[in-house]
Amino acid sequence: MKYFKSQMKQLVENNPPLQKRLKEVMKEHELEQSFALKALYHSEVAAGGKYQAAYQALDAPK
């Protein structure tokens, strides 16, 4: 599975818990949004994370 910033942004926009977590990561680690998105991807999506299926669904052909 590959990281795509646009897909990660879309996933966060569609999930209020991820929006909250993104803000927490940005504040806690003093990161810009783009870096926080990538950190969130690795912690919550990649390698069997709880949002992996939702992220992969964004990649499916419409």
PDB file of N, CA and C in Angstrom:
ATOM      1  N   MET A   1       0.850  -1.171   0.000  1.00  0.00           N
ATOM      2  CA  MET A   1       0.000   0.000   0.000  1.00  0.00           C
ATOM      3  C   MET A   1       0.895   1.234   0.000  1.00  0.00           C
ATOM      4  N   LYS A   2       0.527   2.195  -0.799  1.00  0.00           N
ATOM      5  CA  LYS A   2       1.335   3.392  -0.955  1.00  0.00           C
ATOM      6  C   LYS A   2       0.609   4.608  -0.394  1.00  0.00           C
ATOM      7  N   TYR A   3       1.389   5.525   0.166  1.00  0.00           N
ATOM      8  CA  TYR A   3       0.852   6.759   0.741  1.00  0.00           C
ATOM      9  C   TYR A   3       0.565   7.769  -0.364  1.00  0.00           C
ATOM     10  N   PHE A   4      -0.653   8.286  -0.385  1.00  0.00           N
ATOM     11  CA  PHE A   4      -1.035   9.375  -1.269  1.00  0.00           C
ATOM     12  C   PHE A   4      -1.634  10.474  -0.416  1.00  0.00           C
ATOM     13  N   LYS A   5      -1.034  11.638  -0.476  1.00  0.00           N
ATOM     14  CA  LYS A   5      -1.481  12.757   0.355  1.00  0.00           C
ATOM     15  C   LYS A   5      -2.947  13.094   0.088  1.00  0.00           C
ATOM     16  N   SER A   6      -3.357  13.105  -1.160  1.00  0.00           N
ATOM     17  CA  SER A   6      -4.734  13.468  -1.498  1.00  0.00           C
ATOM     18  C   SER A   6      -5.729  12.477  -0.909  1.00  0.00           C
ATOM     19  N   GLN A   7      -5.395  11.184  -0.957  1.00  0.00           N
ATOM     20  CA  GLN A   7      -6.282  10.176  -0.385  1.00  0.00           C
ATOM     21  C   GLN A   7      -6.321  10.286   1.130  1.00  0.00           C
ATOM     22  N   MET A   8      -5.188  10.584   1.729  1.00  0.00           N
ATOM     23  CA  MET A   8      -5.145  10.706   3.188  1.00  0.00           C
ATOM     24  C   MET A   8      -5.968  11.910   3.637  1.00  0.00           C
ATOM     25  N   LYS A   9      -5.872  13.007   2.889  1.00  0.00           N
ATOM     26  CA  LYS A   9      -6.680  14.192   3.212  1.00  0.00           C
ATOM     27  C   LYS A   9      -8.165  13.861   3.123  1.00  0.00           C
ATOM     28  N   GLN A  10      -8.556  13.137   2.080  1.00  0.00           N
ATOM     29  CA  GLN A  10      -9.949  12.764   1.890  1.00  0.00           C
ATOM     30  C   GLN A  10     -10.426  11.855   3.023  1.00  0.00           C
ATOM     31  N   LEU A  11      -9.595  10.919   3.426  1.00  0.00           N
ATOM     32  CA  LEU A  11      -9.935  10.014   4.518  1.00  0.00           C
ATOM     33  C   LEU A  11     -10.161  10.792   5.810  1.00  0.00           C
ATOM     34  N   VAL A  12      -9.280  11.740   6.099  1.00  0.00           N
ATOM     35  CA  VAL A  12      -9.402  12.542   7.314  1.00  0.00           C
ATOM     36  C   VAL A  12     -10.659  13.404   7.261  1.00  0.00           C
ATOM     37  N   GLU A  13     -10.947  13.983   6.104  1.00  0.00           N
ATOM     38  CA  GLU A  13     -12.142  14.822   5.957  1.00  0.00           C
ATOM     39  C   GLU A  13     -13.419  14.033   6.227  1.00  0.00           C
ATOM     40  N   ASN A  14     -13.409  12.746   5.900  1.00  0.00           N
ATOM     41  CA  ASN A  14     -14.598  11.910   6.052  1.00  0.00           C
ATOM     42  C   ASN A  14     -14.713  11.238   7.421  1.00  0.00           C
ATOM     43  N   ASN A  15     -13.716  11.427   8.296  1.00  0.00           N
ATOM     44  CA  ASN A  15     -13.710  10.760   9.595  1.00  0.00           C
ATOM     45  C   ASN A  15     -13.407  11.740  10.717  1.00  0.00           C
ATOM     46  N   PRO A  16     -14.423  12.200  11.435  1.00  0.00           N
ATOM     47  CA  PRO A  16     -14.209  13.138  12.547  1.00  0.00           C
ATOM     48  C   PRO A  16     -13.188  12.657  13.586  1.00  0.00           C
ATOM     49  N   PRO A  17     -13.141  11.355  13.939  1.00  0.00           N
ATOM     50  CA  PRO A  17     -12.114  10.931  14.897  1.00  0.00           C
ATOM     51  C   PRO A  17     -10.687  11.136  14.358  1.00  0.00           C
ATOM     52  N   LEU A  18     -10.514  10.937  13.047  1.00  0.00           N
ATOM     53  CA  LEU A  18      -9.193  11.160  12.447  1.00  0.00           C
ATOM     54  C   LEU A  18      -8.863  12.650  12.395  1.00  0.00           C
ATOM     55  N   GLN A  19      -9.866  13.498  12.192  1.00  0.00           N
ATOM     56  CA  GLN A  19      -9.637  14.944  12.211  1.00  0.00           C
ATOM     57  C   GLN A  19      -9.107  15.370  13.575  1.00  0.00           C
ATOM     58  N   LYS A  20      -9.736  14.843  14.612  1.00  0.00           N
ATOM     59  CA  LYS A  20      -9.306  15.164  15.973  1.00  0.00           C
ATOM     60  C   LYS A  20      -7.887  14.661  16.221  1.00  0.00           C
ATOM     61  N   ARG A  21      -7.620  13.433  15.788  1.00  0.00           N
ATOM     62  CA  ARG A  21      -6.283  12.842  15.984  1.00  0.00           C
ATOM     63  C   ARG A  21      -5.223  13.626  15.217  1.00  0.00           C
ATOM     64  N   LEU A  22      -5.553  14.083  14.020  1.00  0.00           N
ATOM     65  CA  LEU A  22      -4.617  14.883  13.230  1.00  0.00           C
ATOM     66  C   LEU A  22      -4.240  16.151  13.979  1.00  0.00           C
ATOM     67  N   LYS A  23      -5.223  16.832  14.534  1.00  0.00           N
ATOM     68  CA  LYS A  23      -4.949  18.056  15.293  1.00  0.00           C
ATOM     69  C   LYS A  23      -4.097  17.767  16.518  1.00  0.00           C
ATOM     70  N   GLU A  24      -4.360  16.642  17.184  1.00  0.00           N
ATOM     71  CA  GLU A  24      -3.563  16.251  18.352  1.00  0.00           C
ATOM     72  C   GLU A  24      -2.114  15.996  17.962  1.00  0.00           C
ATOM     73  N   VAL A  25      -1.905  15.281  16.866  1.00  0.00           N
ATOM     74  CA  VAL A  25      -0.549  14.966  16.403  1.00  0.00           C
ATOM     75  C   VAL A  25       0.193  16.255  16.025  1.00  0.00           C
ATOM     76  N   MET A  26      -0.504  17.151  15.337  1.00  0.00           N
ATOM     77  CA  MET A  26       0.119  18.414  14.932  1.00  0.00           C
ATOM     78  C   MET A  26       0.568  19.216  16.154  1.00  0.00           C
ATOM     79  N   LYS A  27      -0.297  19.282  17.156  1.00  0.00           N
ATOM     80  CA  LYS A  27       0.012  20.063  18.352  1.00  0.00           C
ATOM     81  C   LYS A  27       1.082  19.374  19.200  1.00  0.00           C
ATOM     82  N   GLU A  28       0.902  18.084  19.431  1.00  0.00           N
ATOM     83  CA  GLU A  28       1.804  17.332  20.300  1.00  0.00           C
ATOM     84  C   GLU A  28       3.236  17.312  19.791  1.00  0.00           C
ATOM     85  N   HIS A  29       3.385  17.150  18.495  1.00  0.00           N
ATOM     86  CA  HIS A  29       4.726  17.019  17.908  1.00  0.00           C
ATOM     87  C   HIS A  29       5.170  18.256  17.146  1.00  0.00           C
ATOM     88  N   GLU A  30       4.346  19.292  17.192  1.00  0.00           N
ATOM     89  CA  GLU A  30       4.643  20.554  16.510  1.00  0.00           C
ATOM     90  C   GLU A  30       4.976  20.327  15.032  1.00  0.00           C
ATOM     91  N   LEU A  31       4.064  19.649  14.349  1.00  0.00           N
ATOM     92  CA  LEU A  31       4.253  19.314  12.937  1.00  0.00           C
ATOM     93  C   LEU A  31       3.315  20.121  12.054  1.00  0.00           C
ATOM     94  N   GLU A  32       3.769  20.356  10.832  1.00  0.00           N
ATOM     95  CA  GLU A  32       2.893  20.934   9.817  1.00  0.00           C
ATOM     96  C   GLU A  32       1.910  19.842   9.393  1.00  0.00           C
ATOM     97  N   GLN A  33       0.810  20.270   8.785  1.00  0.00           N
ATOM     98  CA  GLN A  33      -0.240  19.316   8.425  1.00  0.00           C
ATOM     99  C   GLN A  33       0.270  18.200   7.514  1.00  0.00           C
ATOM    100  N   SER A  34       1.096  18.517   6.541  1.00  0.00           N
ATOM    101  CA  SER A  34       1.547  17.484   5.601  1.00  0.00           C
ATOM    102  C   SER A  34       2.350  16.394   6.309  1.00  0.00           C
ATOM    103  N   PHE A  35       3.186  16.780   7.273  1.00  0.00           N
ATOM    104  CA  PHE A  35       3.975  15.794   8.013  1.00  0.00           C
ATOM    105  C   PHE A  35       3.088  15.017   8.989  1.00  0.00           C
ATOM    106  N   ALA A  36       2.133  15.700   9.592  1.00  0.00           N
ATOM    107  CA  ALA A  36       1.214  15.042  10.520  1.00  0.00           C
ATOM    108  C   ALA A  36       0.337  14.036   9.791  1.00  0.00           C
ATOM    109  N   LEU A  37      -0.069  14.352   8.553  1.00  0.00           N
ATOM    110  CA  LEU A  37      -0.857  13.411   7.758  1.00  0.00           C
ATOM    111  C   LEU A  37      -0.076  12.125   7.508  1.00  0.00           C
ATOM    112  N   LYS A  38       1.198  12.285   7.185  1.00  0.00           N
ATOM    113  CA  LYS A  38       2.028  11.111   6.915  1.00  0.00           C
ATOM    114  C   LYS A  38       2.228  10.289   8.189  1.00  0.00           C
ATOM    115  N   ALA A  39       2.420  10.961   9.317  1.00  0.00           N
ATOM    116  CA  ALA A  39       2.559  10.262  10.590  1.00  0.00           C
ATOM    117  C   ALA A  39       1.275   9.513  10.933  1.00  0.00           C
ATOM    118  N   LEU A  40       0.155  10.155  10.696  1.00  0.00           N
ATOM    119  CA  LEU A  40      -1.145   9.539  10.956  1.00  0.00           C
ATOM    120  C   LEU A  40      -1.352   8.326  10.053  1.00  0.00           C
ATOM    121  N   TYR A  41      -0.920   8.439   8.817  1.00  0.00           N
ATOM    122  CA  TYR A  41      -1.014   7.321   7.879  1.00  0.00           C
ATOM    123  C   TYR A  41      -0.265   6.107   8.436  1.00  0.00           C
ATOM    124  N   HIS A  42       0.952   6.339   8.885  1.00  0.00           N
ATOM    125  CA  HIS A  42       1.760   5.223   9.374  1.00  0.00           C
ATOM    126  C   HIS A  42       1.239   4.650  10.691  1.00  0.00           C
ATOM    127  N   SER A  43       0.609   5.474  11.515  1.00  0.00           N
ATOM    128  CA  SER A  43       0.135   4.971  12.803  1.00  0.00           C
ATOM    129  C   SER A  43      -1.286   4.402  12.754  1.00  0.00           C
ATOM    130  N   GLU A  44      -2.146   4.924  11.888  1.00  0.00           N
ATOM    131  CA  GLU A  44      -3.552   4.537  11.899  1.00  0.00           C
ATOM    132  C   GLU A  44      -4.022   3.773  10.658  1.00  0.00           C
ATOM    133  N   VAL A  45      -3.240   3.815   9.576  1.00  0.00           N
ATOM    134  CA  VAL A  45      -3.710   3.224   8.317  1.00  0.00           C
ATOM    135  C   VAL A  45      -2.824   2.063   7.866  1.00  0.00           C
ATOM    136  N   ALA A  46      -1.545   2.301   7.699  1.00  0.00           N
ATOM    137  CA  ALA A  46      -0.644   1.301   7.132  1.00  0.00           C
ATOM    138  C   ALA A  46      -0.499   0.085   8.046  1.00  0.00           C
ATOM    139  N   ALA A  47      -0.112  -1.022   7.451  1.00  0.00           N
ATOM    140  CA  ALA A  47       0.197  -2.265   8.171  1.00  0.00           C
ATOM    141  C   ALA A  47      -0.945  -2.735   9.058  1.00  0.00           C
ATOM    142  N   GLY A  48      -2.140  -2.785   8.490  1.00  0.00           N
ATOM    143  CA  GLY A  48      -3.276  -3.332   9.215  1.00  0.00           C
ATOM    144  C   GLY A  48      -3.906  -2.396  10.224  1.00  0.00           C
ATOM    145  N   GLY A  49      -3.693  -1.100  10.051  1.00  0.00           N
ATOM    146  CA  GLY A  49      -4.292  -0.119  10.951  1.00  0.00           C
ATOM    147  C   GLY A  49      -5.808  -0.124  10.862  1.00  0.00           C
ATOM    148  N   LYS A  50      -6.431   0.529  11.815  1.00  0.00           N
ATOM    149  CA  LYS A  50      -7.883   0.472  11.917  1.00  0.00           C
ATOM    150  C   LYS A  50      -8.598   1.162  10.754  1.00  0.00           C
ATOM    151  N   TYR A  51      -7.922   2.059  10.043  1.00  0.00           N
ATOM    152  CA  TYR A  51      -8.539   2.754   8.902  1.00  0.00           C
ATOM    153  C   TYR A  51      -8.015   2.262   7.554  1.00  0.00           C
ATOM    154  N   GLN A  52      -7.323   1.130   7.541  1.00  0.00           N
ATOM    155  CA  GLN A  52      -6.720   0.629   6.307  1.00  0.00           C
ATOM    156  C   GLN A  52      -7.778   0.330   5.242  1.00  0.00           C
ATOM    157  N   ALA A  53      -8.859  -0.317   5.614  1.00  0.00           N
ATOM    158  CA  ALA A  53      -9.892  -0.674   4.642  1.00  0.00           C
ATOM    159  C   ALA A  53     -10.531   0.575   4.035  1.00  0.00           C
ATOM    160  N   ALA A  54     -10.772   1.586   4.855  1.00  0.00           N
ATOM    161  CA  ALA A  54     -11.373   2.828   4.354  1.00  0.00           C
ATOM    162  C   ALA A  54     -10.415   3.530   3.396  1.00  0.00           C
ATOM    163  N   TYR A  55      -9.131   3.500   3.704  1.00  0.00           N
ATOM    164  CA  TYR A  55      -8.125   4.117   2.835  1.00  0.00           C
ATOM    165  C   TYR A  55      -8.053   3.378   1.499  1.00  0.00           C
ATOM    166  N   GLN A  56      -8.060   2.069   1.552  1.00  0.00           N
ATOM    167  CA  GLN A  56      -7.990   1.282   0.320  1.00  0.00           C
ATOM    168  C   GLN A  56      -9.236   1.461  -0.519  1.00  0.00           C
ATOM    169  N   ALA A  57     -10.369   1.672   0.112  1.00  0.00           N
ATOM    170  CA  ALA A  57     -11.616   1.885  -0.627  1.00  0.00           C
ATOM    171  C   ALA A  57     -11.558   3.168  -1.453  1.00  0.00           C
ATOM    172  N   LEU A  58     -10.793   4.150  -0.994  1.00  0.00           N
ATOM    173  CA  LEU A  58     -10.644   5.384  -1.750  1.00  0.00           C
ATOM    174  C   LEU A  58      -9.878   5.168  -3.051  1.00  0.00           C
ATOM    175  N   ASP A  59      -9.084   4.101  -3.096  1.00  0.00           N
ATOM    176  CA  ASP A  59      -8.253   3.792  -4.251  1.00  0.00           C
ATOM    177  C   ASP A  59      -9.013   2.954  -5.287  1.00  0.00           C
ATOM    178  N   ALA A  60     -10.153   2.401  -4.898  1.00  0.00           N
ATOM    179  CA  ALA A  60     -10.908   1.537  -5.785  1.00  0.00           C
ATOM    180  C   ALA A  60     -11.491   2.338  -6.949  1.00  0.00           C
ATOM    181  N   PRO A  61     -11.539   1.751  -8.130  1.00  0.00           N
ATOM    182  CA  PRO A  61     -12.128   2.467  -9.276  1.00  0.00           C
ATOM    183  C   PRO A  61     -13.616   2.708  -9.027  1.00  0.00           C
ATOM    184  N   LYS A  62     -14.057   3.865  -9.473  1.00  0.00           N
ATOM    185  CA  LYS A  62     -15.462   4.251  -9.232  1.00  0.00           C
ATOM    186  C   LYS A  62     -16.336   3.764 -10.363  1.00  0.00           C
TER     187      LYS A  62
END
